[in-house]
Amino acid sequence: MLIDSRLKQIHGGRTEPDAEQQVLTEQFAASIGRGGVDDLLDGACTLIYMYMQWLSRVYEEHDEDVIEAVVPNIVAGMRMMPRSVRPEAIPTMAGLLVAAGTGLSPSLWRKQYGYWTKEEMNPLEATAFLLAEHINRITEDPDFATRLIGAALTGAEEG
């Protein structure tokens, strides 16, 4: 929902985060505690994994490699966000994308390098945001990425 909200905000012409939404997000993060933060990070990694797996299938149908087609675009997008994504975080996010694109759990991949740092929170959110935007752009549907996750959650509940 946070990713969908940010996409709508950007497409609505607002580039700065809504102050009220930022306060609510920070209050939510403070209220869930350490275990909840871990769950939230795993959720972000799961989104990235699901997006990359969907993109893998799409690019394979066109005999293209998802890593070659997606990672450079996402990295370029992060480079255009210097206030949100520090340059030293980009290699970690690129590695995360490669892990997800090759079928590895991004959460497990990241754990081998230690716990997430505060400086990696914005880049992680930006990575999920840019992947959702990439999916929406190639499908020419501004809500496709959100519906993709909603359908997966519905399927998981029914299964």
Protein backbone atom coordinates (compact mmCIF):
# COMPACT_ATOMS: atom_id res chain seq x y z
CA MET A 1 0.00 0.00 0.00
CA LEU A 2 2.88 2.38 0.73
CA ILE A 3 4.35 1.73 -2.72
CA ASP A 4 0.96 2.27 -4.39
CA SER A 5 0.47 5.49 -2.44
CA ARG A 6 3.89 6.80 -3.50
CA LEU A 7 3.22 5.90 -7.16
CA LYS A 8 -0.07 7.80 -7.09
CA GLN A 9 1.63 10.75 -5.38
CA ILE A 10 4.38 10.95 -8.04
CA HIS A 11 1.93 10.56 -10.91
CA GLY A 12 -0.20 13.27 -9.33
CA GLY A 13 2.70 15.68 -9.77
CA ARG A 14 3.86 15.77 -6.14
CA THR A 15 7.47 14.75 -5.68
CA GLU A 16 7.92 15.60 -2.00
CA PRO A 17 6.52 13.13 0.54
CA ASP A 18 3.27 14.20 2.13
CA ALA A 19 4.17 15.41 5.64
CA GLU A 20 1.11 13.84 7.23
CA GLN A 21 1.77 10.51 5.53
CA GLN A 22 5.41 10.63 6.64
CA VAL A 23 4.37 11.20 10.26
CA LEU A 24 1.86 8.33 10.09
CA THR A 25 4.49 6.04 8.57
CA GLU A 26 6.99 6.91 11.30
CA GLN A 27 4.36 6.40 14.03
CA PHE A 28 3.46 3.04 12.51
CA ALA A 29 7.11 1.95 12.43
CA ALA A 30 7.59 3.03 16.04
CA SER A 31 4.46 1.16 17.16
CA ILE A 32 5.33 -2.22 15.67
CA GLY A 33 8.59 -2.76 17.53
CA ARG A 34 11.67 -4.70 16.39
CA GLY A 35 9.81 -7.86 15.38
CA GLY A 36 7.35 -5.84 13.33
CA VAL A 37 10.17 -3.96 11.63
CA ASP A 38 11.76 -7.29 10.69
CA ASP A 39 8.42 -8.41 9.26
CA LEU A 40 8.12 -5.14 7.33
CA LEU A 41 11.62 -5.61 5.88
CA ASP A 42 10.80 -9.20 4.92
CA GLY A 43 7.62 -7.91 3.31
CA ALA A 44 9.55 -5.37 1.23
CA CYS A 45 11.96 -8.09 0.16
CA THR A 46 9.02 -10.35 -0.71
CA LEU A 47 7.54 -7.59 -2.88
CA ILE A 48 10.86 -7.23 -4.68
CA TYR A 49 11.07 -11.00 -5.13
CA MET A 50 7.52 -11.25 -6.48
CA TYR A 51 8.04 -8.34 -8.86
CA MET A 52 11.32 -9.79 -10.16
CA GLN A 53 9.79 -13.25 -10.61
CA TRP A 54 6.89 -11.79 -12.58
CA LEU A 55 9.31 -9.75 -14.68
CA SER A 56 11.45 -12.87 -15.24
CA ARG A 57 8.50 -14.67 -16.79
CA VAL A 58 7.59 -11.66 -18.95
CA TYR A 59 11.12 -11.14 -20.23
CA GLU A 60 11.66 -14.87 -20.82
CA GLU A 61 8.57 -14.87 -23.08
CA HIS A 62 10.45 -12.35 -25.26
CA ASP A 63 13.77 -14.23 -25.01
CA GLU A 64 15.28 -11.48 -22.86
CA ASP A 65 17.20 -11.74 -19.62
CA VAL A 66 15.49 -10.07 -16.66
CA ILE A 67 18.79 -9.09 -15.05
CA GLU A 68 20.01 -7.41 -18.22
CA ALA A 69 16.66 -5.72 -18.89
CA VAL A 70 15.69 -4.58 -15.39
CA VAL A 71 18.72 -4.05 -13.15
CA PRO A 72 20.39 -1.28 -15.21
CA ASN A 73 17.08 0.61 -15.41
CA ILE A 74 16.48 0.38 -11.66
CA VAL A 75 20.08 1.39 -10.90
CA ALA A 76 19.73 4.38 -13.25
CA GLY A 77 16.53 5.34 -11.45
CA MET A 78 18.24 5.16 -8.08
CA ARG A 79 21.09 7.33 -9.35
CA MET A 80 18.51 9.97 -10.20
CA MET A 81 17.35 9.98 -6.55
CA PRO A 82 20.49 11.17 -4.73
CA ARG A 83 18.57 12.61 -1.76
CA SER A 84 16.80 9.29 -1.11
CA VAL A 85 19.39 6.79 -2.31
CA ARG A 86 22.99 7.30 -1.32
CA PRO A 87 25.47 6.04 -3.95
CA GLU A 88 26.99 3.49 -1.58
CA ALA A 89 23.61 1.75 -1.19
CA ILE A 90 23.14 1.17 -4.92
CA PRO A 91 25.41 -1.90 -5.19
CA THR A 92 23.50 -3.56 -2.32
CA MET A 93 20.17 -2.90 -4.04
CA ALA A 94 21.56 -4.14 -7.37
CA GLY A 95 22.71 -7.33 -5.63
CA LEU A 96 19.28 -7.69 -4.07
CA LEU A 97 17.68 -7.42 -7.53
CA VAL A 98 20.06 -10.00 -8.99
CA ALA A 99 19.33 -12.37 -6.10
CA ALA A 100 15.57 -11.99 -6.61
CA GLY A 101 15.90 -12.28 -10.38
CA THR A 102 17.77 -15.56 -10.05
CA GLY A 103 15.21 -17.04 -7.68
CA LEU A 104 17.01 -16.41 -4.38
CA SER A 105 15.20 -14.96 -1.39
CA PRO A 106 16.29 -11.33 -1.05
CA SER A 107 15.88 -11.54 2.74
CA LEU A 108 18.14 -14.57 3.03
CA TRP A 109 20.61 -13.08 0.55
CA ARG A 110 20.83 -9.88 2.63
CA LYS A 111 21.19 -11.71 5.95
CA GLN A 112 24.54 -13.11 4.89
CA TYR A 113 25.88 -9.54 4.97
CA GLY A 114 24.37 -8.58 8.31
CA TYR A 115 21.30 -6.71 9.42
CA TRP A 116 19.76 -3.90 7.39
CA THR A 117 21.06 -0.45 8.25
CA LYS A 118 19.03 2.70 8.67
CA GLU A 119 20.75 4.11 5.58
CA GLU A 120 19.38 1.23 3.50
CA MET A 121 15.71 1.81 4.34
CA ASN A 122 15.06 4.50 1.73
CA PRO A 123 16.96 2.63 -0.99
CA LEU A 124 14.98 -0.53 -0.20
CA GLU A 125 11.71 1.37 -0.52
CA ALA A 126 12.97 3.06 -3.70
CA THR A 127 13.88 -0.34 -5.18
CA ALA A 128 10.37 -1.70 -4.61
CA PHE A 129 8.88 1.58 -5.89
CA LEU A 130 11.00 1.57 -9.06
CA LEU A 131 10.17 -2.08 -9.76
CA ALA A 132 6.45 -1.37 -9.39
CA GLU A 133 6.81 1.64 -11.67
CA HIS A 134 8.71 -0.48 -14.22
CA ILE A 135 5.92 -3.07 -14.20
CA ASN A 136 3.25 -0.40 -14.54
CA ARG A 137 5.14 1.19 -17.42
CA ILE A 138 5.64 -2.01 -19.43
CA THR A 139 2.01 -3.04 -18.92
CA GLU A 140 0.81 0.51 -19.66
CA ASP A 141 -1.41 0.21 -16.58
CA PRO A 142 -0.76 2.52 -13.60
CA ASP A 143 -2.26 0.04 -11.11
CA PHE A 144 -0.98 -3.26 -12.47
CA ALA A 145 1.77 -3.82 -9.87
CA THR A 146 -0.68 -3.24 -7.02
CA ARG A 147 -3.24 -5.61 -8.54
CA LEU A 148 -0.49 -8.20 -9.11
CA ILE A 149 0.29 -8.29 -5.38
CA GLY A 150 -3.39 -8.17 -4.45
CA ALA A 151 -4.08 -11.17 -6.67
CA ALA A 152 -1.16 -13.05 -5.14
CA LEU A 153 -2.41 -12.33 -1.62
CA THR A 154 -5.94 -13.40 -2.56
CA GLY A 155 -4.59 -16.59 -4.08
CA ALA A 156 -2.55 -17.31 -0.95
CA GLU A 157 -5.61 -16.87 1.26
CA GLU A 158 -7.68 -19.18 -0.91
CA GLY A 159 -4.92 -21.78 -1.29
